[in-house]
Amino acid sequence: MRENVPPRYPQQFRDEAVRMVIDGPRPISRVAAELGINDSTLRGWVKEHRLAGEDDIEAPGDAKSDRELQLEREVRKLREENAFLKKASAFFAREQG
């Protein structure tokens, strides 16, 4: 392994890290700390994502209340975070092993 070369992260890891920032109330620095990456790295990924115009904004539906929509988004976010953390732990386990 070469010294002073930043680690390369799979695109899926990057995308899911960005999604955690965009969909959640936590600041970039907190998400980066949870994932063990530099906050400036994550900030750059979020900036790239936003410049590419890839933000998904959900429009509220007529049939469901705002509270139902909020709960569905929260459940989806928690499931995504859970899946992401499983993948991240497997990724780092491979790197260390």
PDB file of N, CA and C in Angstrom:
ATOM      1  N   MET A   1       0.841  -1.178   0.000  1.00  0.00           N
ATOM      2  CA  MET A   1       0.000   0.000   0.000  1.00  0.00           C
ATOM      3  C   MET A   1       0.888   1.245   0.000  1.00  0.00           C
ATOM      4  N   ARG A   2       0.584   2.174  -0.857  1.00  0.00           N
ATOM      5  CA  ARG A   2       1.373   3.397  -0.952  1.00  0.00           C
ATOM      6  C   ARG A   2       0.987   4.368   0.145  1.00  0.00           C
ATOM      7  N   GLU A   3       1.969   5.109   0.633  1.00  0.00           N
ATOM      8  CA  GLU A   3       1.713   6.109   1.661  1.00  0.00           C
ATOM      9  C   GLU A   3       1.216   7.402   1.025  1.00  0.00           C
ATOM     10  N   ASN A   4       0.472   8.169   1.793  1.00  0.00           N
ATOM     11  CA  ASN A   4      -0.028   9.485   1.386  1.00  0.00           C
ATOM     12  C   ASN A   4      -0.976   9.446   0.192  1.00  0.00           C
ATOM     13  N   VAL A   5      -1.603   8.309  -0.050  1.00  0.00           N
ATOM     14  CA  VAL A   5      -2.592   8.203  -1.115  1.00  0.00           C
ATOM     15  C   VAL A   5      -3.949   8.002  -0.454  1.00  0.00           C
ATOM     16  N   PRO A   6      -4.884   8.910  -0.719  1.00  0.00           N
ATOM     17  CA  PRO A   6      -6.188   8.747  -0.078  1.00  0.00           C
ATOM     18  C   PRO A   6      -6.883   7.473  -0.546  1.00  0.00           C
ATOM     19  N   PRO A   7      -7.672   6.849   0.345  1.00  0.00           N
ATOM     20  CA  PRO A   7      -8.368   5.627  -0.062  1.00  0.00           C
ATOM     21  C   PRO A   7      -9.437   5.923  -1.106  1.00  0.00           C
ATOM     22  N   ARG A   8      -9.666   4.984  -1.954  1.00  0.00           N
ATOM     23  CA  ARG A   8     -10.715   5.118  -2.962  1.00  0.00           C
ATOM     24  C   ARG A   8     -11.946   4.388  -2.443  1.00  0.00           C
ATOM     25  N   TYR A   9     -13.079   5.032  -2.581  1.00  0.00           N
ATOM     26  CA  TYR A   9     -14.325   4.464  -2.095  1.00  0.00           C
ATOM     27  C   TYR A   9     -15.177   4.065  -3.283  1.00  0.00           C
ATOM     28  N   PRO A  10     -15.863   2.927  -3.183  1.00  0.00           N
ATOM     29  CA  PRO A  10     -16.757   2.517  -4.275  1.00  0.00           C
ATOM     30  C   PRO A  10     -17.856   3.558  -4.488  1.00  0.00           C
ATOM     31  N   GLN A  11     -18.318   3.675  -5.713  1.00  0.00           N
ATOM     32  CA  GLN A  11     -19.350   4.666  -6.037  1.00  0.00           C
ATOM     33  C   GLN A  11     -20.609   4.446  -5.210  1.00  0.00           C
ATOM     34  N   GLN A  12     -20.964   3.202  -4.969  1.00  0.00           N
ATOM     35  CA  GLN A  12     -22.156   2.914  -4.177  1.00  0.00           C
ATOM     36  C   GLN A  12     -21.998   3.454  -2.751  1.00  0.00           C
ATOM     37  N   PHE A  13     -20.812   3.300  -2.177  1.00  0.00           N
ATOM     38  CA  PHE A  13     -20.530   3.837  -0.841  1.00  0.00           C
ATOM     39  C   PHE A  13     -20.702   5.353  -0.844  1.00  0.00           C
ATOM     40  N   ARG A  14     -20.145   5.999  -1.864  1.00  0.00           N
ATOM     41  CA  ARG A  14     -20.248   7.454  -1.979  1.00  0.00           C
ATOM     42  C   ARG A  14     -21.704   7.896  -2.111  1.00  0.00           C
ATOM     43  N   ASP A  15     -22.449   7.217  -2.990  1.00  0.00           N
ATOM     44  CA  ASP A  15     -23.858   7.580  -3.224  1.00  0.00           C
ATOM     45  C   ASP A  15     -24.685   7.440  -1.951  1.00  0.00           C
ATOM     46  N   GLU A  16     -24.461   6.365  -1.223  1.00  0.00           N
ATOM     47  CA  GLU A  16     -25.237   6.143  -0.013  1.00  0.00           C
ATOM     48  C   GLU A  16     -24.837   7.121   1.090  1.00  0.00           C
ATOM     49  N   ALA A  17     -23.581   7.498   1.146  1.00  0.00           N
ATOM     50  CA  ALA A  17     -23.143   8.498   2.123  1.00  0.00           C
ATOM     51  C   ALA A  17     -23.805   9.844   1.827  1.00  0.00           C
ATOM     52  N   VAL A  18     -23.851  10.208   0.561  1.00  0.00           N
ATOM     53  CA  VAL A  18     -24.502  11.457   0.148  1.00  0.00           C
ATOM     54  C   VAL A  18     -25.985  11.404   0.497  1.00  0.00           C
ATOM     55  N   ARG A  19     -26.619  10.277   0.247  1.00  0.00           N
ATOM     56  CA  ARG A  19     -28.043  10.132   0.535  1.00  0.00           C
ATOM     57  C   ARG A  19     -28.311  10.301   2.029  1.00  0.00           C
ATOM     58  N   MET A  20     -27.411   9.804   2.877  1.00  0.00           N
ATOM     59  CA  MET A  20     -27.579   9.957   4.321  1.00  0.00           C
ATOM     60  C   MET A  20     -27.576  11.435   4.713  1.00  0.00           C
ATOM     61  N   VAL A  21     -26.751  12.225   4.043  1.00  0.00           N
ATOM     62  CA  VAL A  21     -26.685  13.662   4.339  1.00  0.00           C
ATOM     63  C   VAL A  21     -27.939  14.370   3.828  1.00  0.00           C
ATOM     64  N   ILE A  22     -28.318  14.067   2.605  1.00  0.00           N
ATOM     65  CA  ILE A  22     -29.431  14.777   1.972  1.00  0.00           C
ATOM     66  C   ILE A  22     -30.765  14.413   2.614  1.00  0.00           C
ATOM     67  N   ASP A  23     -30.976  13.150   2.938  1.00  0.00           N
ATOM     68  CA  ASP A  23     -32.261  12.700   3.478  1.00  0.00           C
ATOM     69  C   ASP A  23     -32.390  12.896   4.982  1.00  0.00           C
ATOM     70  N   GLY A  24     -31.288  13.110   5.669  1.00  0.00           N
ATOM     71  CA  GLY A  24     -31.359  13.169   7.119  1.00  0.00           C
ATOM     72  C   GLY A  24     -31.101  14.553   7.674  1.00  0.00           C
ATOM     73  N   PRO A  25     -31.371  14.700   8.958  1.00  0.00           N
ATOM     74  CA  PRO A  25     -31.170  15.996   9.602  1.00  0.00           C
ATOM     75  C   PRO A  25     -29.749  16.205  10.124  1.00  0.00           C
ATOM     76  N   ARG A  26     -28.896  15.168  10.032  1.00  0.00           N
ATOM     77  CA  ARG A  26     -27.553  15.267  10.599  1.00  0.00           C
ATOM     78  C   ARG A  26     -26.619  16.067   9.701  1.00  0.00           C
ATOM     79  N   PRO A  27     -25.685  16.810  10.295  1.00  0.00           N
ATOM     80  CA  PRO A  27     -24.733  17.573   9.495  1.00  0.00           C
ATOM     81  C   PRO A  27     -23.696  16.658   8.844  1.00  0.00           C
ATOM     82  N   ILE A  28     -23.054  17.176   7.822  1.00  0.00           N
ATOM     83  CA  ILE A  28     -22.042  16.418   7.081  1.00  0.00           C
ATOM     84  C   ILE A  28     -20.958  15.893   8.022  1.00  0.00           C
ATOM     85  N   SER A  29     -20.506  16.729   8.934  1.00  0.00           N
ATOM     86  CA  SER A  29     -19.415  16.313   9.828  1.00  0.00           C
ATOM     87  C   SER A  29     -19.797  15.099  10.670  1.00  0.00           C
ATOM     88  N   ARG A  30     -21.043  15.035  11.101  1.00  0.00           N
ATOM     89  CA  ARG A  30     -21.484  13.912  11.922  1.00  0.00           C
ATOM     90  C   ARG A  30     -21.579  12.623  11.098  1.00  0.00           C
ATOM     91  N   VAL A  31     -22.152  12.719   9.896  1.00  0.00           N
ATOM     92  CA  VAL A  31     -22.251  11.541   9.029  1.00  0.00           C
ATOM     93  C   VAL A  31     -20.849  11.049   8.671  1.00  0.00           C
ATOM     94  N   ALA A  32     -19.952  11.967   8.355  1.00  0.00           N
ATOM     95  CA  ALA A  32     -18.578  11.589   8.009  1.00  0.00           C
ATOM     96  C   ALA A  32     -17.898  10.877   9.177  1.00  0.00           C
ATOM     97  N   ALA A  33     -18.089  11.389  10.376  1.00  0.00           N
ATOM     98  CA  ALA A  33     -17.491  10.749  11.550  1.00  0.00           C
ATOM     99  C   ALA A  33     -18.055   9.350  11.759  1.00  0.00           C
ATOM    100  N   GLU A  34     -19.351   9.188  11.556  1.00  0.00           N
ATOM    101  CA  GLU A  34     -19.974   7.873  11.714  1.00  0.00           C
ATOM    102  C   GLU A  34     -19.422   6.867  10.705  1.00  0.00           C
ATOM    103  N   LEU A  35     -19.082   7.360   9.516  1.00  0.00           N
ATOM    104  CA  LEU A  35     -18.589   6.479   8.457  1.00  0.00           C
ATOM    105  C   LEU A  35     -17.072   6.340   8.462  1.00  0.00           C
ATOM    106  N   GLY A  36     -16.403   7.155   9.270  1.00  0.00           N
ATOM    107  CA  GLY A  36     -14.946   7.086   9.349  1.00  0.00           C
ATOM    108  C   GLY A  36     -14.252   7.701   8.149  1.00  0.00           C
ATOM    109  N   ILE A  37     -14.868   8.716   7.568  1.00  0.00           N
ATOM    110  CA  ILE A  37     -14.246   9.404   6.437  1.00  0.00           C
ATOM    111  C   ILE A  37     -14.080  10.880   6.784  1.00  0.00           C
ATOM    112  N   ASN A  38     -13.263  11.563   6.017  1.00  0.00           N
ATOM    113  CA  ASN A  38     -13.005  12.983   6.229  1.00  0.00           C
ATOM    114  C   ASN A  38     -14.238  13.783   5.834  1.00  0.00           C
ATOM    115  N   ASP A  39     -14.604  14.766   6.654  1.00  0.00           N
ATOM    116  CA  ASP A  39     -15.802  15.540   6.351  1.00  0.00           C
ATOM    117  C   ASP A  39     -15.654  16.368   5.080  1.00  0.00           C
ATOM    118  N   SER A  40     -14.442  16.795   4.748  1.00  0.00           N
ATOM    119  CA  SER A  40     -14.268  17.549   3.496  1.00  0.00           C
ATOM    120  C   SER A  40     -14.473  16.643   2.281  1.00  0.00           C
ATOM    121  N   THR A  41     -14.146  15.373   2.424  1.00  0.00           N
ATOM    122  CA  THR A  41     -14.390  14.414   1.341  1.00  0.00           C
ATOM    123  C   THR A  41     -15.886  14.272   1.107  1.00  0.00           C
ATOM    124  N   LEU A  42     -16.628  14.057   2.174  1.00  0.00           N
ATOM    125  CA  LEU A  42     -18.083  13.909   2.067  1.00  0.00           C
ATOM    126  C   LEU A  42     -18.718  15.206   1.568  1.00  0.00           C
ATOM    127  N   ARG A  43     -18.225  16.336   2.037  1.00  0.00           N
ATOM    128  CA  ARG A  43     -18.746  17.628   1.588  1.00  0.00           C
ATOM    129  C   ARG A  43     -18.576  17.765   0.060  1.00  0.00           C
ATOM    130  N   GLY A  44     -17.437  17.321  -0.446  1.00  0.00           N
ATOM    131  CA  GLY A  44     -17.198  17.357  -1.892  1.00  0.00           C
ATOM    132  C   GLY A  44     -18.157  16.458  -2.650  1.00  0.00           C
ATOM    133  N   TRP A  45     -18.427  15.268  -2.105  1.00  0.00           N
ATOM    134  CA  TRP A  45     -19.363  14.352  -2.757  1.00  0.00           C
ATOM    135  C   TRP A  45     -20.763  14.954  -2.799  1.00  0.00           C
ATOM    136  N   VAL A  46     -21.177  15.589  -1.696  1.00  0.00           N
ATOM    137  CA  VAL A  46     -22.508  16.212  -1.639  1.00  0.00           C
ATOM    138  C   VAL A  46     -22.580  17.363  -2.645  1.00  0.00           C
ATOM    139  N   LYS A  47     -21.526  18.138  -2.714  1.00  0.00           N
ATOM    140  CA  LYS A  47     -21.494  19.270  -3.656  1.00  0.00           C
ATOM    141  C   LYS A  47     -21.604  18.769  -5.097  1.00  0.00           C
ATOM    142  N   GLU A  48     -20.833  17.729  -5.439  1.00  0.00           N
ATOM    143  CA  GLU A  48     -20.908  17.139  -6.784  1.00  0.00           C
ATOM    144  C   GLU A  48     -22.328  16.672  -7.085  1.00  0.00           C
ATOM    145  N   HIS A  49     -22.935  16.018  -6.122  1.00  0.00           N
ATOM    146  CA  HIS A  49     -24.289  15.487  -6.282  1.00  0.00           C
ATOM    147  C   HIS A  49     -25.281  16.611  -6.556  1.00  0.00           C
ATOM    148  N   ARG A  50     -25.169  17.675  -5.781  1.00  0.00           N
ATOM    149  CA  ARG A  50     -26.094  18.799  -5.951  1.00  0.00           C
ATOM    150  C   ARG A  50     -25.857  19.545  -7.257  1.00  0.00           C
ATOM    151  N   LEU A  51     -24.601  19.688  -7.651  1.00  0.00           N
ATOM    152  CA  LEU A  51     -24.302  20.360  -8.916  1.00  0.00           C
ATOM    153  C   LEU A  51     -24.806  19.562 -10.116  1.00  0.00           C
ATOM    154  N   ALA A  52     -24.842  18.244  -9.946  1.00  0.00           N
ATOM    155  CA  ALA A  52     -25.343  17.383 -11.020  1.00  0.00           C
ATOM    156  C   ALA A  52     -26.865  17.422 -11.096  1.00  0.00           C
ATOM    157  N   GLY A  53     -27.508  18.070 -10.133  1.00  0.00           N
ATOM    158  CA  GLY A  53     -28.968  18.194 -10.135  1.00  0.00           C
ATOM    159  C   GLY A  53     -29.677  16.894  -9.863  1.00  0.00           C
ATOM    160  N   GLU A  54     -29.102  16.060  -8.993  1.00  0.00           N
ATOM    161  CA  GLU A  54     -29.661  14.738  -8.737  1.00  0.00           C
ATOM    162  C   GLU A  54     -30.521  14.676  -7.489  1.00  0.00           C
ATOM    163  N   ASP A  55     -30.851  15.818  -6.895  1.00  0.00           N
ATOM    164  CA  ASP A  55     -31.688  15.799  -5.692  1.00  0.00           C
ATOM    165  C   ASP A  55     -33.099  15.352  -6.028  1.00  0.00           C
ATOM    166  N   ASP A  56     -33.575  14.390  -5.280  1.00  0.00           N
ATOM    167  CA  ASP A  56     -34.946  13.905  -5.441  1.00  0.00           C
ATOM    168  C   ASP A  56     -35.811  14.611  -4.414  1.00  0.00           C
ATOM    169  N   ILE A  57     -36.859  15.248  -4.876  1.00  0.00           N
ATOM    170  CA  ILE A  57     -37.783  15.915  -3.970  1.00  0.00           C
ATOM    171  C   ILE A  57     -39.143  15.264  -4.132  1.00  0.00           C
ATOM    172  N   GLU A  58     -39.649  14.736  -3.036  1.00  0.00           N
ATOM    173  CA  GLU A  58     -40.939  14.058  -3.097  1.00  0.00           C
ATOM    174  C   GLU A  58     -42.068  15.066  -3.004  1.00  0.00           C
ATOM    175  N   ALA A  59     -43.053  14.892  -3.847  1.00  0.00           N
ATOM    176  CA  ALA A  59     -44.251  15.734  -3.776  1.00  0.00           C
ATOM    177  C   ALA A  59     -45.285  15.014  -2.942  1.00  0.00           C
ATOM    178  N   PRO A  60     -45.948  15.713  -2.035  1.00  0.00           N
ATOM    179  CA  PRO A  60     -46.951  15.041  -1.208  1.00  0.00           C
ATOM    180  C   PRO A  60     -48.126  14.549  -2.047  1.00  0.00           C
ATOM    181  N   GLY A  61     -48.596  13.349  -1.748  1.00  0.00           N
ATOM    182  CA  GLY A  61     -49.724  12.776  -2.472  1.00  0.00           C
ATOM    183  C   GLY A  61     -51.043  13.232  -1.884  1.00  0.00           C
ATOM    184  N   ASP A  62     -52.086  13.147  -2.676  1.00  0.00           N
ATOM    185  CA  ASP A  62     -53.403  13.578  -2.209  1.00  0.00           C
ATOM    186  C   ASP A  62     -54.016  12.580  -1.239  1.00  0.00           C
ATOM    187  N   ALA A  63     -53.731  11.276  -1.416  1.00  0.00           N
ATOM    188  CA  ALA A  63     -54.405  10.242  -0.656  1.00  0.00           C
ATOM    189  C   ALA A  63     -53.850  10.083   0.760  1.00  0.00           C
ATOM    190  N   LYS A  64     -52.621  10.509   1.022  1.00  0.00           N
ATOM    191  CA  LYS A  64     -51.999  10.292   2.320  1.00  0.00           C
ATOM    192  C   LYS A  64     -51.797  11.619   3.039  1.00  0.00           C
ATOM    193  N   SER A  65     -51.871  11.558   4.349  1.00  0.00           N
ATOM    194  CA  SER A  65     -51.659  12.761   5.147  1.00  0.00           C
ATOM    195  C   SER A  65     -50.168  13.091   5.184  1.00  0.00           C
ATOM    196  N   ASP A  66     -49.870  14.309   5.568  1.00  0.00           N
ATOM    197  CA  ASP A  66     -48.475  14.720   5.694  1.00  0.00           C
ATOM    198  C   ASP A  66     -47.737  13.859   6.709  1.00  0.00           C
ATOM    199  N   ARG A  67     -48.414  13.503   7.784  1.00  0.00           N
ATOM    200  CA  ARG A  67     -47.795  12.666   8.827  1.00  0.00           C
ATOM    201  C   ARG A  67     -47.448  11.284   8.285  1.00  0.00           C
ATOM    202  N   GLU A  68     -48.342  10.691   7.495  1.00  0.00           N
ATOM    203  CA  GLU A  68     -48.068   9.383   6.891  1.00  0.00           C
ATOM    204  C   GLU A  68     -46.864   9.453   5.959  1.00  0.00           C
ATOM    205  N   LEU A  69     -46.805  10.502   5.165  1.00  0.00           N
ATOM    206  CA  LEU A  69     -45.679  10.673   4.253  1.00  0.00           C
ATOM    207  C   LEU A  69     -44.374  10.860   5.019  1.00  0.00           C
ATOM    208  N   GLN A  70     -44.438  11.623   6.090  1.00  0.00           N
ATOM    209  CA  GLN A  70     -43.254  11.848   6.909  1.00  0.00           C
ATOM    210  C   GLN A  70     -42.764  10.530   7.514  1.00  0.00           C
ATOM    211  N   LEU A  71     -43.682   9.736   8.028  1.00  0.00           N
ATOM    212  CA  LEU A  71     -43.315   8.444   8.621  1.00  0.00           C
ATOM    213  C   LEU A  71     -42.750   7.484   7.575  1.00  0.00           C
ATOM    214  N   GLU A  72     -43.331   7.468   6.381  1.00  0.00           N
ATOM    215  CA  GLU A  72     -42.817   6.608   5.323  1.00  0.00           C
ATOM    216  C   GLU A  72     -41.402   7.007   4.926  1.00  0.00           C
ATOM    217  N   ARG A  73     -41.162   8.314   4.830  1.00  0.00           N
ATOM    218  CA  ARG A  73     -39.808   8.786   4.502  1.00  0.00           C
ATOM    219  C   ARG A  73     -38.823   8.399   5.592  1.00  0.00           C
ATOM    220  N   GLU A  74     -39.253   8.531   6.842  1.00  0.00           N
ATOM    221  CA  GLU A  74     -38.380   8.182   7.953  1.00  0.00           C
ATOM    222  C   GLU A  74     -38.053   6.693   7.952  1.00  0.00           C
ATOM    223  N   VAL A  75     -39.047   5.861   7.721  1.00  0.00           N
ATOM    224  CA  VAL A  75     -38.816   4.412   7.661  1.00  0.00           C
ATOM    225  C   VAL A  75     -37.860   4.083   6.519  1.00  0.00           C
ATOM    226  N   ARG A  76     -38.092   4.684   5.353  1.00  0.00           N
ATOM    227  CA  ARG A  76     -37.206   4.438   4.206  1.00  0.00           C
ATOM    228  C   ARG A  76     -35.781   4.873   4.520  1.00  0.00           C
ATOM    229  N   LYS A  77     -35.636   6.037   5.152  1.00  0.00           N
ATOM    230  CA  LYS A  77     -34.314   6.545   5.492  1.00  0.00           C
ATOM    231  C   LYS A  77     -33.611   5.610   6.468  1.00  0.00           C
ATOM    232  N   LEU A  78     -34.317   5.152   7.471  1.00  0.00           N
ATOM    233  CA  LEU A  78     -33.719   4.247   8.453  1.00  0.00           C
ATOM    234  C   LEU A  78     -33.330   2.912   7.822  1.00  0.00           C
ATOM    235  N   ARG A  79     -34.152   2.416   6.927  1.00  0.00           N
ATOM    236  CA  ARG A  79     -33.803   1.166   6.233  1.00  0.00           C
ATOM    237  C   ARG A  79     -32.569   1.349   5.357  1.00  0.00           C
ATOM    238  N   GLU A  80     -32.498   2.485   4.659  1.00  0.00           N
ATOM    239  CA  GLU A  80     -31.332   2.767   3.819  1.00  0.00           C
ATOM    240  C   GLU A  80     -30.069   2.890   4.671  1.00  0.00           C
ATOM    241  N   GLU A  81     -30.176   3.578   5.801  1.00  0.00           N
ATOM    242  CA  GLU A  81     -29.023   3.730   6.681  1.00  0.00           C
ATOM    243  C   GLU A  81     -28.574   2.381   7.219  1.00  0.00           C
ATOM    244  N   ASN A  82     -29.522   1.548   7.598  1.00  0.00           N
ATOM    245  CA  ASN A  82     -29.196   0.229   8.114  1.00  0.00           C
ATOM    246  C   ASN A  82     -28.482  -0.607   7.049  1.00  0.00           C
ATOM    247  N   ALA A  83     -29.015  -0.610   5.833  1.00  0.00           N
ATOM    248  CA  ALA A  83     -28.388  -1.362   4.747  1.00  0.00           C
ATOM    249  C   ALA A  83     -27.001  -0.805   4.445  1.00  0.00           C
ATOM    250  N   PHE A  84     -26.892   0.513   4.453  1.00  0.00           N
ATOM    251  CA  PHE A  84     -25.610   1.148   4.171  1.00  0.00           C
ATOM    252  C   PHE A  84     -24.572   0.776   5.227  1.00  0.00           C
ATOM    253  N   LEU A  85     -24.948   0.825   6.488  1.00  0.00           N
ATOM    254  CA  LEU A  85     -24.000   0.505   7.547  1.00  0.00           C
ATOM    255  C   LEU A  85     -23.553  -0.948   7.479  1.00  0.00           C
ATOM    256  N   LYS A  86     -24.444  -1.843   7.081  1.00  0.00           N
ATOM    257  CA  LYS A  86     -24.053  -3.241   6.889  1.00  0.00           C
ATOM    258  C   LYS A  86     -23.014  -3.353   5.780  1.00  0.00           C
ATOM    259  N   LYS A  87     -23.255  -2.655   4.672  1.00  0.00           N
ATOM    260  CA  LYS A  87     -22.314  -2.686   3.551  1.00  0.00           C
ATOM    261  C   LYS A  87     -20.989  -2.041   3.919  1.00  0.00           C
ATOM    262  N   ALA A  88     -21.056  -0.928   4.656  1.00  0.00           N
ATOM    263  CA  ALA A  88     -19.831  -0.239   5.053  1.00  0.00           C
ATOM    264  C   ALA A  88     -18.996  -1.110   5.979  1.00  0.00           C
ATOM    265  N   SER A  89     -19.640  -1.787   6.916  1.00  0.00           N
ATOM    266  CA  SER A  89     -18.884  -2.635   7.833  1.00  0.00           C
ATOM    267  C   SER A  89     -18.252  -3.803   7.078  1.00  0.00           C
ATOM    268  N   ALA A  90     -18.946  -4.356   6.102  1.00  0.00           N
ATOM    269  CA  ALA A  90     -18.370  -5.434   5.288  1.00  0.00           C
ATOM    270  C   ALA A  90     -17.198  -4.910   4.465  1.00  0.00           C
ATOM    271  N   PHE A  91     -17.333  -3.711   3.922  1.00  0.00           N
ATOM    272  CA  PHE A  91     -16.263  -3.103   3.126  1.00  0.00           C
ATOM    273  C   PHE A  91     -15.012  -2.916   3.971  1.00  0.00           C
ATOM    274  N   PHE A  92     -15.160  -2.342   5.163  1.00  0.00           N
ATOM    275  CA  PHE A  92     -14.005  -2.091   6.009  1.00  0.00           C
ATOM    276  C   PHE A  92     -13.433  -3.387   6.595  1.00  0.00           C
ATOM    277  N   ALA A  93     -14.271  -4.381   6.800  1.00  0.00           N
ATOM    278  CA  ALA A  93     -13.784  -5.672   7.265  1.00  0.00           C
ATOM    279  C   ALA A  93     -12.887  -6.317   6.207  1.00  0.00           C
ATOM    280  N   ARG A  94     -13.283  -6.176   4.930  1.00  0.00           N
ATOM    281  CA  ARG A  94     -12.438  -6.698   3.824  1.00  0.00           C
ATOM    282  C   ARG A  94     -11.118  -5.963   3.757  1.00  0.00           C
ATOM    283  N   GLU A  95     -11.155  -4.649   3.945  1.00  0.00           N
ATOM    284  CA  GLU A  95      -9.949  -3.831   3.876  1.00  0.00           C
ATOM    285  C   GLU A  95      -8.964  -4.192   4.978  1.00  0.00           C
ATOM    286  N   GLN A  96      -9.464  -4.521   6.157  1.00  0.00           N
ATOM    287  CA  GLN A  96      -8.600  -4.819   7.291  1.00  0.00           C
ATOM    288  C   GLN A  96      -8.142  -6.272   7.279  1.00  0.00           C
ATOM    289  N   GLY A  97      -8.931  -7.131   6.681  1.00  0.00           N
ATOM    290  CA  GLY A  97      -8.640  -8.571   6.716  1.00  0.00           C
ATOM    291  C   GLY A  97      -7.854  -9.025   5.601  1.00  0.00           C
TER     292      GLY A  97
END
